[in-house]
């Protein structure tokens, strides 16, 4: 097992997924504040805005949660009962979820540049998105070269 190579993927990937969950929570809070402000003015939130917030939160949280699930399952199964097919499946699956997570963070940071909802966090989200895309590519490389992340 090549621990430095596995950690070089797992550490940044975990950080990116954690930032994605943080972004989902922050966006959800911003949406609640927006709905409260609209209710105070006796107006509704426009459907496109509502769709943006709900879908972005869903994608960010879902892809990060699926990455964590795949990474934990991959680590547990590789130590408990190593199976090359499962190692590849969980490795590629986790990297694919991280790729979606990275693109969603990058998109959210770009949209926030125009909406200015989260302030300086947009740079963190855009940077984490780029790091997530890079980490996903590195994870797929590790899985392809070694047959799994923890192999």
Protein backbone atom coordinates (compact mmCIF):
# COMPACT_ATOMS: atom_id res chain seq x y z
CA UNK A 1 0.00 0.00 0.00
CA UNK A 2 1.27 3.42 -0.93
CA UNK A 3 0.10 5.54 2.02
CA UNK A 4 1.48 8.91 0.84
CA UNK A 5 -0.28 8.53 -2.50
CA UNK A 6 -3.58 7.54 -0.86
CA UNK A 7 -3.35 10.40 1.64
CA UNK A 8 -2.44 12.86 -1.14
CA UNK A 9 -5.89 12.15 -2.59
CA UNK A 10 -7.93 11.54 0.55
CA UNK A 11 -6.87 14.64 2.53
CA UNK A 12 -7.69 17.34 -0.06
CA UNK A 13 -10.78 15.44 -1.18
CA UNK A 14 -12.11 15.34 2.38
CA UNK A 15 -11.42 19.06 2.79
CA UNK A 16 -13.26 19.88 -0.45
CA UNK A 17 -16.27 17.77 0.53
CA UNK A 18 -16.33 19.46 3.94
CA UNK A 19 -16.27 22.90 2.27
CA UNK A 20 -19.11 21.77 0.00
CA UNK A 21 -21.24 20.85 3.02
CA UNK A 22 -20.36 24.21 4.58
CA UNK A 23 -21.40 25.97 1.37
CA UNK A 24 -24.68 24.05 1.29
CA UNK A 25 -25.45 25.09 4.86
CA UNK A 26 -24.57 28.73 4.14
CA UNK A 27 -26.69 28.77 0.97
CA UNK A 28 -29.58 27.19 2.82
CA UNK A 29 -29.33 29.90 5.48
CA UNK A 30 -29.22 32.62 2.82
CA UNK A 31 -32.32 31.14 1.19
CA UNK A 32 -34.20 31.09 4.49
CA UNK A 33 -33.26 34.75 5.05
CA UNK A 34 -34.42 35.58 1.51
CA UNK A 35 -37.74 33.80 2.06
CA UNK A 36 -38.27 35.66 5.35
CA UNK A 37 -37.52 38.97 3.68
CA UNK A 38 -39.96 38.16 0.87
CA UNK A 39 -42.63 37.17 3.40
CA UNK A 40 -42.16 40.48 5.23
CA UNK A 41 -42.88 42.28 1.97
CA UNK A 42 -45.81 39.92 1.25
CA UNK A 43 -44.17 38.65 -1.88
CA UNK A 44 -43.06 35.23 -2.98
CA UNK A 45 -39.61 34.12 -3.94
CA UNK A 46 -39.35 33.89 -7.75
CA UNK A 47 -39.46 30.28 -8.99
CA UNK A 48 -36.07 30.49 -10.73
CA UNK A 49 -34.40 31.74 -7.55
CA UNK A 50 -36.10 29.05 -5.52
CA UNK A 51 -34.98 26.38 -8.01
CA UNK A 52 -31.39 27.67 -7.95
CA UNK A 53 -31.13 27.55 -4.18
CA UNK A 54 -32.83 24.21 -3.65
CA UNK A 55 -30.99 22.44 -6.47
CA UNK A 56 -27.58 23.88 -5.62
CA UNK A 57 -27.95 22.93 -1.96
CA UNK A 58 -29.13 19.47 -2.98
CA UNK A 59 -26.22 18.90 -5.39
CA UNK A 60 -23.57 20.24 -3.00
CA UNK A 61 -24.80 18.28 -0.01
CA UNK A 62 -25.63 15.14 -1.98
CA UNK A 63 -22.34 14.90 -3.85
CA UNK A 64 -20.32 15.57 -0.68
CA UNK A 65 -22.32 13.01 1.31
CA UNK A 66 -21.98 10.41 -1.45
CA UNK A 67 -18.23 11.07 -1.62
CA UNK A 68 -17.91 10.58 2.14
CA UNK A 69 -19.97 7.39 1.92
CA UNK A 70 -17.91 5.97 -0.93
CA UNK A 71 -14.60 6.94 0.69
CA UNK A 72 -15.51 5.43 4.05
CA UNK A 73 -16.84 2.25 2.44
CA UNK A 74 -13.71 2.01 0.30
CA UNK A 75 -11.40 2.39 3.31
CA UNK A 76 -13.33 -0.09 5.47
CA UNK A 77 -13.67 -2.72 2.76
CA UNK A 78 -10.06 -2.43 1.62
CA UNK A 79 -8.80 -3.11 5.14
CA UNK A 80 -11.44 -5.68 6.14
CA UNK A 81 -11.84 -7.72 2.95
CA UNK A 82 -9.75 -6.45 0.05
CA UNK A 83 -11.50 -6.99 -3.27
CA UNK A 84 -10.11 -5.36 -6.41
CA UNK A 85 -13.51 -4.91 -8.05
CA UNK A 86 -14.97 -3.14 -5.01
CA UNK A 87 -11.83 -1.04 -4.59
CA UNK A 88 -12.12 0.21 -8.17
CA UNK A 89 -15.88 0.76 -7.91
CA UNK A 90 -15.71 2.76 -4.69
CA UNK A 91 -12.57 4.58 -5.80
CA UNK A 92 -14.05 5.69 -9.12
CA UNK A 93 -17.45 6.35 -7.53
CA UNK A 94 -15.97 8.58 -4.84
CA UNK A 95 -13.84 10.45 -7.36
CA UNK A 96 -16.85 10.97 -9.62
CA UNK A 97 -18.89 12.37 -6.71
CA UNK A 98 -15.96 14.64 -5.87
CA UNK A 99 -15.83 15.81 -9.49
CA UNK A 100 -19.52 16.77 -9.35
CA UNK A 101 -18.92 18.43 -5.99
CA UNK A 102 -16.00 20.44 -7.39
CA UNK A 103 -17.95 21.63 -10.41
CA UNK A 104 -20.92 22.56 -8.20
CA UNK A 105 -18.66 24.58 -5.88
CA UNK A 106 -17.07 26.34 -8.83
CA UNK A 107 -20.47 27.14 -10.30
CA UNK A 108 -21.81 28.33 -6.95
CA UNK A 109 -18.82 30.64 -6.49
CA UNK A 110 -19.32 32.06 -9.97
CA UNK A 111 -23.01 32.72 -9.39
CA UNK A 112 -22.26 34.23 -5.99
CA UNK A 113 -19.90 36.67 -7.69
CA UNK A 114 -23.00 38.23 -9.22
CA UNK A 115 -25.44 37.74 -6.32
CA UNK A 116 -22.98 38.68 -3.54
CA UNK A 117 -24.75 36.52 -0.95
CA UNK A 118 -21.83 34.94 0.86
CA UNK A 119 -19.21 37.69 0.64
CA UNK A 120 -15.60 36.55 0.74
CA UNK A 121 -16.55 32.89 0.92
CA UNK A 122 -16.99 32.79 -2.84
CA UNK A 123 -13.20 32.74 -3.29
CA UNK A 124 -12.97 29.84 -0.88
CA UNK A 125 -15.71 27.99 -2.74
CA UNK A 126 -14.19 28.66 -6.16
CA UNK A 127 -10.75 27.58 -4.95
CA UNK A 128 -12.20 24.47 -3.32
CA UNK A 129 -14.07 23.73 -6.55
CA UNK A 130 -10.85 23.83 -8.56
CA UNK A 131 -9.07 21.77 -5.92
CA UNK A 132 -11.96 19.26 -5.97
CA UNK A 133 -11.72 18.86 -9.73
CA UNK A 134 -7.97 18.34 -9.44
CA UNK A 135 -8.32 15.92 -6.54
CA UNK A 136 -10.95 13.93 -8.44
CA UNK A 137 -8.64 13.65 -11.44
CA UNK A 138 -5.80 12.58 -9.15
CA UNK A 139 -8.06 10.05 -7.43
CA UNK A 140 -9.04 8.50 -10.75
CA UNK A 141 -5.36 8.33 -11.67
CA UNK A 142 -4.50 6.60 -8.40
CA UNK A 143 -7.34 4.09 -8.85
CA UNK A 144 -6.35 3.41 -12.44
CA UNK A 145 -2.63 2.95 -11.67
CA UNK A 146 -2.96 0.97 -8.44
CA UNK A 147 -6.38 -0.67 -8.68
CA UNK A 148 -7.80 1.34 -5.78
CA UNK A 149 -7.06 4.16 -3.38
CA UNK A 150 -6.00 2.05 -0.40
CA UNK A 151 -4.54 -0.89 -2.32
